[in-house]
Amino acid sequence: MISEVHPLLGWHAHGTVGFDHERARAMHSVPEDFALEVAFALGRKGDVSQRLKDTCEIDQ
């Protein structure tokens, strides 16, 4: 599911629950007394041909 966060500026969000909680905690220095429940990607839709090569390989 992709949601429009701010339609006038073209921002979109995509939520997920399938992420590595401990890796996210370590990467972002989240204290142990905080619960990590959900993650989301925030960005603008763009031209698929401009995506990073690594991202394209993951999708295939």
C-alpha atoms as a PDB file:
ATOM      1  CA  MET A   1       0.000   0.000   0.000  1.00  0.00           C
ATOM      2  CA  ILE A   2       1.367   3.387  -0.975  1.00  0.00           C
ATOM      3  CA  SER A   3      -0.132   6.467   0.626  1.00  0.00           C
ATOM      4  CA  GLU A   4       0.162  10.040  -0.524  1.00  0.00           C
ATOM      5  CA  VAL A   5       1.701  12.050   2.304  1.00  0.00           C
ATOM      6  CA  HIS A   6       1.531  15.437   0.624  1.00  0.00           C
ATOM      7  CA  PRO A   7      -0.101  15.269  -2.811  1.00  0.00           C
ATOM      8  CA  LEU A   8       0.875  18.801  -3.825  1.00  0.00           C
ATOM      9  CA  LEU A   9       4.584  18.071  -3.349  1.00  0.00           C
ATOM     10  CA  GLY A  10       4.453  14.487  -4.619  1.00  0.00           C
ATOM     11  CA  TRP A  11       5.596  12.748  -1.414  1.00  0.00           C
ATOM     12  CA  HIS A  12       4.514   9.142  -0.831  1.00  0.00           C
ATOM     13  CA  ALA A  13       4.923   6.680   2.046  1.00  0.00           C
ATOM     14  CA  HIS A  14       5.056   2.884   2.005  1.00  0.00           C
ATOM     15  CA  GLY A  15       4.735   1.081   5.334  1.00  0.00           C
ATOM     16  CA  THR A  16       6.198  -2.312   6.221  1.00  0.00           C
ATOM     17  CA  VAL A  17       6.399  -4.631   9.210  1.00  0.00           C
ATOM     18  CA  GLY A  18       8.921  -7.069   7.684  1.00  0.00           C
ATOM     19  CA  PHE A  19      12.187  -5.469   8.762  1.00  0.00           C
ATOM     20  CA  ASP A  20      15.155  -6.411  10.935  1.00  0.00           C
ATOM     21  CA  HIS A  21      14.271  -4.810  14.267  1.00  0.00           C
ATOM     22  CA  GLU A  22      17.709  -5.245  15.849  1.00  0.00           C
ATOM     23  CA  ARG A  23      19.543  -3.931  12.788  1.00  0.00           C
ATOM     24  CA  ALA A  24      17.254  -0.881  12.668  1.00  0.00           C
ATOM     25  CA  ARG A  25      17.807  -0.320  16.400  1.00  0.00           C
ATOM     26  CA  ALA A  26      21.596  -0.440  15.947  1.00  0.00           C
ATOM     27  CA  MET A  27      21.662   1.702  12.772  1.00  0.00           C
ATOM     28  CA  HIS A  28      19.581   4.472  14.325  1.00  0.00           C
ATOM     29  CA  SER A  29      20.793   4.208  17.954  1.00  0.00           C
ATOM     30  CA  VAL A  30      17.296   3.460  19.264  1.00  0.00           C
ATOM     31  CA  PRO A  31      17.367   2.927  23.051  1.00  0.00           C
ATOM     32  CA  GLU A  32      16.335  -0.510  24.374  1.00  0.00           C
ATOM     33  CA  ASP A  33      13.347   0.962  26.243  1.00  0.00           C
ATOM     34  CA  PHE A  34      11.716   1.968  22.914  1.00  0.00           C
ATOM     35  CA  ALA A  35       9.698  -0.601  20.948  1.00  0.00           C
ATOM     36  CA  LEU A  36      10.141  -0.785  17.181  1.00  0.00           C
ATOM     37  CA  GLU A  37       6.799  -1.733  15.657  1.00  0.00           C
ATOM     38  CA  VAL A  38       6.731  -0.472  12.069  1.00  0.00           C
ATOM     39  CA  ALA A  39       8.985   1.014   9.409  1.00  0.00           C
ATOM     40  CA  PHE A  40       8.156   3.055   6.355  1.00  0.00           C
ATOM     41  CA  ALA A  41       9.822   4.407   3.252  1.00  0.00           C
ATOM     42  CA  LEU A  42       9.214   8.031   2.328  1.00  0.00           C
ATOM     43  CA  GLY A  43       9.984   9.442  -1.089  1.00  0.00           C
ATOM     44  CA  ARG A  44       8.789  10.700  -4.421  1.00  0.00           C
ATOM     45  CA  LYS A  45       7.799   8.569  -7.367  1.00  0.00           C
ATOM     46  CA  GLY A  46      10.374   8.767 -10.115  1.00  0.00           C
ATOM     47  CA  ASP A  47      11.538   7.333 -13.397  1.00  0.00           C
ATOM     48  CA  VAL A  48      12.294   3.619 -12.956  1.00  0.00           C
ATOM     49  CA  SER A  49      15.291   3.915 -15.298  1.00  0.00           C
ATOM     50  CA  GLN A  50      16.949   6.280 -12.782  1.00  0.00           C
ATOM     51  CA  ARG A  51      16.937   3.755  -9.914  1.00  0.00           C
ATOM     52  CA  LEU A  52      20.172   2.462  -8.437  1.00  0.00           C
ATOM     53  CA  LYS A  53      21.523  -0.706 -10.048  1.00  0.00           C
ATOM     54  CA  ASP A  54      21.472  -2.609  -6.709  1.00  0.00           C
ATOM     55  CA  THR A  55      17.787  -1.815  -6.190  1.00  0.00           C
ATOM     56  CA  CYS A  56      16.891  -3.064  -9.654  1.00  0.00           C
ATOM     57  CA  GLU A  57      18.718  -6.362  -9.055  1.00  0.00           C
ATOM     58  CA  ILE A  58      16.792  -6.934  -5.813  1.00  0.00           C
ATOM     59  CA  ASP A  59      13.459  -6.535  -7.633  1.00  0.00           C
ATOM     60  CA  GLN A  60      14.292  -9.195 -10.231  1.00  0.00           C
END
